[in-house]
Amino acid sequence: PNEPTACCLKFTKNKIPLNLITGYKNTQHGCTTPGIIFTMKSGRRVCADPGVEWVQEHMAKVDLRKASHHYRQLRSCPLILDN
């Protein structure tokens, strides 16, 4: 199924608190302006400028948070060895 193109027409001027963000994605290639779409705990989506420092920092921290969560899940799985 084709997903509608998500583009940012304008960016938030306010720094979003990191604890409200659950994830993000880049706008698609068909968009005239590159942007980052943050997904909030409320389900709301907010566009941010990828050239702004706090946006880059939040993206890196969300990536680390997801990697850490994935690592914890792997460690909690039982290890099955074939002999």
Protein backbone atom coordinates (compact mmCIF):
# COMPACT_ATOMS: atom_id res chain seq x y z
CA PRO A 1 0.00 0.00 0.00
CA ASN A 2 1.24 3.44 -0.89
CA GLU A 3 1.61 5.76 2.07
CA PRO A 4 0.74 9.42 1.44
CA THR A 5 3.75 11.68 1.15
CA ALA A 6 4.46 13.38 4.48
CA CYS A 7 6.07 16.77 3.96
CA CYS A 8 6.73 19.68 6.30
CA LEU A 9 5.38 23.05 5.23
CA LYS A 10 6.68 24.82 8.33
CA PHE A 11 8.84 23.93 11.33
CA THR A 12 8.24 24.30 15.04
CA LYS A 13 10.02 27.28 16.54
CA ASN A 14 10.01 25.75 20.03
CA LYS A 15 12.38 23.12 21.35
CA ILE A 16 10.35 19.99 22.09
CA PRO A 17 11.11 18.26 25.42
CA LEU A 18 12.87 14.97 24.65
CA ASN A 19 10.69 13.01 27.09
CA LEU A 20 7.61 13.79 24.93
CA ILE A 21 9.13 12.27 21.78
CA THR A 22 8.60 8.58 20.96
CA GLY A 23 10.20 8.53 17.52
CA TYR A 24 10.93 10.41 14.32
CA LYS A 25 11.26 10.00 10.59
CA ASN A 26 12.70 12.02 7.74
CA THR A 27 10.40 13.61 5.22
CA GLN A 28 10.30 11.81 1.90
CA HIS A 29 12.39 12.67 -1.16
CA GLY A 30 9.43 14.17 -3.01
CA CYS A 31 9.16 17.02 -0.50
CA THR A 32 10.46 20.45 -1.48
CA THR A 33 11.98 21.06 1.97
CA PRO A 34 13.77 18.36 3.98
CA GLY A 35 12.41 17.99 7.49
CA ILE A 36 12.17 15.74 10.53
CA ILE A 37 8.76 14.59 11.74
CA PHE A 38 8.83 13.89 15.48
CA THR A 39 6.08 11.63 16.86
CA MET A 40 4.91 12.66 20.30
CA LYS A 41 3.55 10.47 23.12
CA SER A 42 0.12 11.94 22.36
CA GLY A 43 0.37 10.64 18.78
CA ARG A 44 0.69 14.17 17.41
CA ARG A 45 3.38 14.77 14.78
CA VAL A 46 5.55 17.88 14.76
CA CYS A 47 7.84 19.07 11.97
CA ALA A 48 11.33 20.26 12.87
CA ASP A 49 14.26 21.69 10.92
CA PRO A 50 17.02 19.06 10.54
CA GLY A 51 19.62 21.84 10.42
CA VAL A 52 18.91 22.97 14.00
CA GLU A 53 21.22 21.64 16.71
CA TRP A 54 18.57 20.52 19.21
CA VAL A 55 16.78 18.56 16.46
CA GLN A 56 19.98 16.67 15.62
CA GLU A 57 20.64 16.01 19.33
CA HIS A 58 17.09 14.71 19.88
CA MET A 59 17.37 12.42 16.85
CA ALA A 60 20.64 10.95 18.18
CA LYS A 61 19.16 10.44 21.65
CA VAL A 62 16.04 8.75 20.25
CA ASP A 63 18.30 6.45 18.21
CA LEU A 64 20.32 5.58 21.34
CA ARG A 65 17.14 4.99 23.33
CA LYS A 66 15.79 2.61 20.67
CA ALA A 67 19.15 0.79 20.38
CA SER A 68 19.36 0.43 24.17
CA HIS A 69 15.79 -0.91 24.32
CA HIS A 70 16.57 -3.42 21.55
CA TYR A 71 19.75 -4.54 23.35
CA ARG A 72 17.82 -5.08 26.63
CA GLN A 73 15.26 -7.18 24.76
CA LEU A 74 18.01 -9.33 23.26
CA ARG A 75 19.63 -9.85 26.67
CA SER A 76 16.32 -10.95 28.19
CA CYS A 77 15.77 -13.65 25.53
CA PRO A 78 16.93 -17.16 26.42
CA LEU A 79 19.97 -18.30 24.48
CA ILE A 80 19.45 -21.54 22.57
CA LEU A 81 22.57 -23.41 21.54
CA ASP A 82 22.70 -26.36 19.14
CA ASN A 83 25.15 -29.04 20.24
